[in-house]
C-alpha atoms as a PDB file:
ATOM      1  CA  UNK A   1       1.009 -20.300  28.195  1.00  0.00           C
ATOM      2  CA  UNK A   2      -1.424 -17.554  27.218  1.00  0.00           C
ATOM      3  CA  UNK A   3      -1.939 -17.816  23.471  1.00  0.00           C
ATOM      4  CA  UNK A   4      -2.672 -14.118  23.026  1.00  0.00           C
ATOM      5  CA  UNK A   5       0.911 -12.978  23.639  1.00  0.00           C
ATOM      6  CA  UNK A   6       3.526 -15.720  24.041  1.00  0.00           C
ATOM      7  CA  UNK A   7       6.331 -13.114  23.804  1.00  0.00           C
ATOM      8  CA  UNK A   8       5.037 -11.281  26.882  1.00  0.00           C
ATOM      9  CA  UNK A   9       4.731 -14.560  28.776  1.00  0.00           C
ATOM     10  CA  UNK A  10       8.290 -15.554  27.827  1.00  0.00           C
ATOM     11  CA  UNK A  11       9.756 -12.211  28.886  1.00  0.00           C
ATOM     12  CA  UNK A  12       7.981 -12.286  32.270  1.00  0.00           C
ATOM     13  CA  UNK A  13       8.868 -15.944  32.793  1.00  0.00           C
ATOM     14  CA  UNK A  14      12.553 -15.266  32.005  1.00  0.00           C
ATOM     15  CA  UNK A  15      12.685 -12.459  34.595  1.00  0.00           C
ATOM     16  CA  UNK A  16      10.994 -14.668  37.185  1.00  0.00           C
ATOM     17  CA  UNK A  17      13.281 -17.585  36.424  1.00  0.00           C
ATOM     18  CA  UNK A  18      16.359 -15.354  36.882  1.00  0.00           C
ATOM     19  CA  UNK A  19      14.998 -14.395  40.327  1.00  0.00           C
ATOM     20  CA  UNK A  20      13.612 -17.769  41.386  1.00  0.00           C
ATOM     21  CA  UNK A  21      15.418 -17.787  44.745  1.00  0.00           C
ATOM     22  CA  UNK A  22      13.319 -14.849  46.003  1.00  0.00           C
ATOM     23  CA  UNK A  23      10.401 -15.802  48.241  1.00  0.00           C
ATOM     24  CA  UNK A  24       7.882 -13.632  46.405  1.00  0.00           C
ATOM     25  CA  UNK A  25       8.939 -15.150  43.057  1.00  0.00           C
ATOM     26  CA  UNK A  26       8.462 -18.643  44.471  1.00  0.00           C
ATOM     27  CA  UNK A  27       4.951 -17.564  45.507  1.00  0.00           C
ATOM     28  CA  UNK A  28       4.282 -16.263  41.996  1.00  0.00           C
ATOM     29  CA  UNK A  29       5.506 -19.469  40.393  1.00  0.00           C
ATOM     30  CA  UNK A  30       3.532 -21.753  42.732  1.00  0.00           C
ATOM     31  CA  UNK A  31       0.467 -19.804  43.908  1.00  0.00           C
ATOM     32  CA  UNK A  32      -1.457 -22.956  44.789  1.00  0.00           C
ATOM     33  CA  UNK A  33       1.251 -23.856  47.322  1.00  0.00           C
ATOM     34  CA  UNK A  34       1.608 -20.346  48.709  1.00  0.00           C
ATOM     35  CA  UNK A  35       0.080 -18.715  51.756  1.00  0.00           C
ATOM     36  CA  UNK A  36      -2.246 -15.759  51.300  1.00  0.00           C
ATOM     37  CA  UNK A  37      -3.663 -12.858  53.279  1.00  0.00           C
ATOM     38  CA  UNK A  38      -7.335 -12.093  53.822  1.00  0.00           C
ATOM     39  CA  UNK A  39      -8.398  -8.734  52.410  1.00  0.00           C
ATOM     40  CA  UNK A  40     -11.051  -6.472  53.905  1.00  0.00           C
ATOM     41  CA  UNK A  41     -13.519  -7.563  51.199  1.00  0.00           C
ATOM     42  CA  UNK A  42     -12.942 -11.243  52.144  1.00  0.00           C
ATOM     43  CA  UNK A  43     -10.948 -11.944  48.988  1.00  0.00           C
ATOM     44  CA  UNK A  44      -7.407 -13.276  49.332  1.00  0.00           C
ATOM     45  CA  UNK A  45      -4.080 -12.040  47.991  1.00  0.00           C
ATOM     46  CA  UNK A  46      -0.703 -13.690  47.690  1.00  0.00           C
ATOM     47  CA  UNK A  47       0.932 -10.695  46.011  1.00  0.00           C
ATOM     48  CA  UNK A  48       0.756  -7.012  45.466  1.00  0.00           C
ATOM     49  CA  UNK A  49       3.540  -5.233  43.660  1.00  0.00           C
ATOM     50  CA  UNK A  50       4.907  -1.712  43.563  1.00  0.00           C
ATOM     51  CA  UNK A  51       7.808   0.137  41.956  1.00  0.00           C
ATOM     52  CA  UNK A  52      10.363   2.563  43.340  1.00  0.00           C
ATOM     53  CA  UNK A  53      13.748   4.002  42.447  1.00  0.00           C
ATOM     54  CA  UNK A  54      16.858   4.155  44.602  1.00  0.00           C
ATOM     55  CA  UNK A  55      20.370   5.144  43.556  1.00  0.00           C
ATOM     56  CA  UNK A  56      19.465   4.978  39.862  1.00  0.00           C
ATOM     57  CA  UNK A  57      18.014   1.463  40.026  1.00  0.00           C
ATOM     58  CA  UNK A  58      14.300   0.984  39.360  1.00  0.00           C
ATOM     59  CA  UNK A  59      12.807  -1.771  41.492  1.00  0.00           C
ATOM     60  CA  UNK A  60       9.717  -3.923  41.422  1.00  0.00           C
ATOM     61  CA  UNK A  61       8.966  -5.299  44.855  1.00  0.00           C
ATOM     62  CA  UNK A  62       6.174  -7.032  46.761  1.00  0.00           C
ATOM     63  CA  UNK A  63       4.157  -5.126  49.319  1.00  0.00           C
ATOM     64  CA  UNK A  64       3.002  -8.419  50.821  1.00  0.00           C
ATOM     65  CA  UNK A  65       6.027  -9.747  52.674  1.00  0.00           C
ATOM     66  CA  UNK A  66       6.735 -12.291  55.376  1.00  0.00           C
ATOM     67  CA  UNK A  67       7.197 -10.937  58.896  1.00  0.00           C
ATOM     68  CA  UNK A  68       9.706 -12.257  61.456  1.00  0.00           C
ATOM     69  CA  UNK A  69       7.458 -15.271  62.142  1.00  0.00           C
ATOM     70  CA  UNK A  70       7.118 -16.083  58.424  1.00  0.00           C
ATOM     71  CA  UNK A  71       3.529 -14.826  58.202  1.00  0.00           C
ATOM     72  CA  UNK A  72       2.542 -12.780  55.160  1.00  0.00           C
ATOM     73  CA  UNK A  73       1.683  -9.176  55.975  1.00  0.00           C
ATOM     74  CA  UNK A  74       0.695  -6.224  53.831  1.00  0.00           C
ATOM     75  CA  UNK A  75       3.168  -3.372  54.167  1.00  0.00           C
ATOM     76  CA  UNK A  76       2.753   0.092  52.776  1.00  0.00           C
ATOM     77  CA  UNK A  77       4.837   2.880  51.293  1.00  0.00           C
ATOM     78  CA  UNK A  78       8.449   3.261  52.261  1.00  0.00           C
ATOM     79  CA  UNK A  79       8.123   0.507  54.898  1.00  0.00           C
ATOM     80  CA  UNK A  80       7.374  -2.065  52.187  1.00  0.00           C
ATOM     81  CA  UNK A  81      10.189  -0.832  49.962  1.00  0.00           C
ATOM     82  CA  UNK A  82      12.720  -0.771  52.795  1.00  0.00           C
ATOM     83  CA  UNK A  83      11.742  -4.276  53.945  1.00  0.00           C
ATOM     84  CA  UNK A  84      11.893  -5.631  50.390  1.00  0.00           C
ATOM     85  CA  UNK A  85      15.342  -4.157  49.758  1.00  0.00           C
ATOM     86  CA  UNK A  86      16.725  -5.317  53.121  1.00  0.00           C
ATOM     87  CA  UNK A  87      15.423  -8.859  52.605  1.00  0.00           C
ATOM     88  CA  UNK A  88      16.492  -9.109  48.954  1.00  0.00           C
ATOM     89  CA  UNK A  89      12.871  -9.325  47.834  1.00  0.00           C
ATOM     90  CA  UNK A  90      13.116  -6.812  44.988  1.00  0.00           C
ATOM     91  CA  UNK A  91      14.029  -7.048  41.316  1.00  0.00           C
ATOM     92  CA  UNK A  92      16.139  -4.240  39.874  1.00  0.00           C
ATOM     93  CA  UNK A  93      15.715  -2.812  36.386  1.00  0.00           C
ATOM     94  CA  UNK A  94      17.747  -0.245  34.458  1.00  0.00           C
ATOM     95  CA  UNK A  95      14.807   1.993  33.608  1.00  0.00           C
ATOM     96  CA  UNK A  96      11.486   3.029  35.096  1.00  0.00           C
ATOM     97  CA  UNK A  97       9.810   1.869  31.884  1.00  0.00           C
ATOM     98  CA  UNK A  98      11.132  -1.688  32.343  1.00  0.00           C
ATOM     99  CA  UNK A  99      10.108  -1.807  36.014  1.00  0.00           C
ATOM    100  CA  UNK A 100       6.659  -0.428  35.226  1.00  0.00           C
ATOM    101  CA  UNK A 101       6.204  -2.956  32.415  1.00  0.00           C
ATOM    102  CA  UNK A 102       7.062  -5.869  34.692  1.00  0.00           C
ATOM    103  CA  UNK A 103       4.863  -4.586  37.530  1.00  0.00           C
ATOM    104  CA  UNK A 104       1.890  -4.443  35.124  1.00  0.00           C
ATOM    105  CA  UNK A 105       2.592  -7.779  33.405  1.00  0.00           C
ATOM    106  CA  UNK A 106       3.830 -10.298  35.992  1.00  0.00           C
ATOM    107  CA  UNK A 107       0.389 -11.909  36.336  1.00  0.00           C
ATOM    108  CA  UNK A 108       0.502 -13.226  32.748  1.00  0.00           C
ATOM    109  CA  UNK A 109       2.137 -16.351  34.200  1.00  0.00           C
ATOM    110  CA  UNK A 110      -1.264 -17.005  35.820  1.00  0.00           C
ATOM    111  CA  UNK A 111      -3.122 -16.353  32.564  1.00  0.00           C
ATOM    112  CA  UNK A 112      -4.249 -12.846  33.559  1.00  0.00           C
ATOM    113  CA  UNK A 113      -4.138  -9.914  31.153  1.00  0.00           C
ATOM    114  CA  UNK A 114      -1.705  -7.091  31.918  1.00  0.00           C
ATOM    115  CA  UNK A 115      -2.870  -4.516  34.451  1.00  0.00           C
ATOM    116  CA  UNK A 116      -3.795  -1.233  32.832  1.00  0.00           C
ATOM    117  CA  UNK A 117      -1.632   1.741  33.634  1.00  0.00           C
ATOM    118  CA  UNK A 118      -3.349   4.020  36.160  1.00  0.00           C
END
């Protein structure tokens, strides 16, 4: 657990634990056992996250999703959101602030600092 902010770690971990059946959450919780995609710069990614709102629910969802063959693929924009919602690979929040917070902080489970707001 990161010593700098155990409260942040606990909050993120609780949200992940509540959503542990989702494929992308399993990949977050066990990155060493998860597949990855090769990026253009030859680095690898197992996750990328985004936020969106639909019908008053604010979602955090992965933009790297499995295709029909189970292979991870980067998806963009509304295609990623639609695929995440249809497959159940999104986490709903009551407010945009909560969704934004989670999207910037989920990597604390890996010991990374929160992503700065752009």
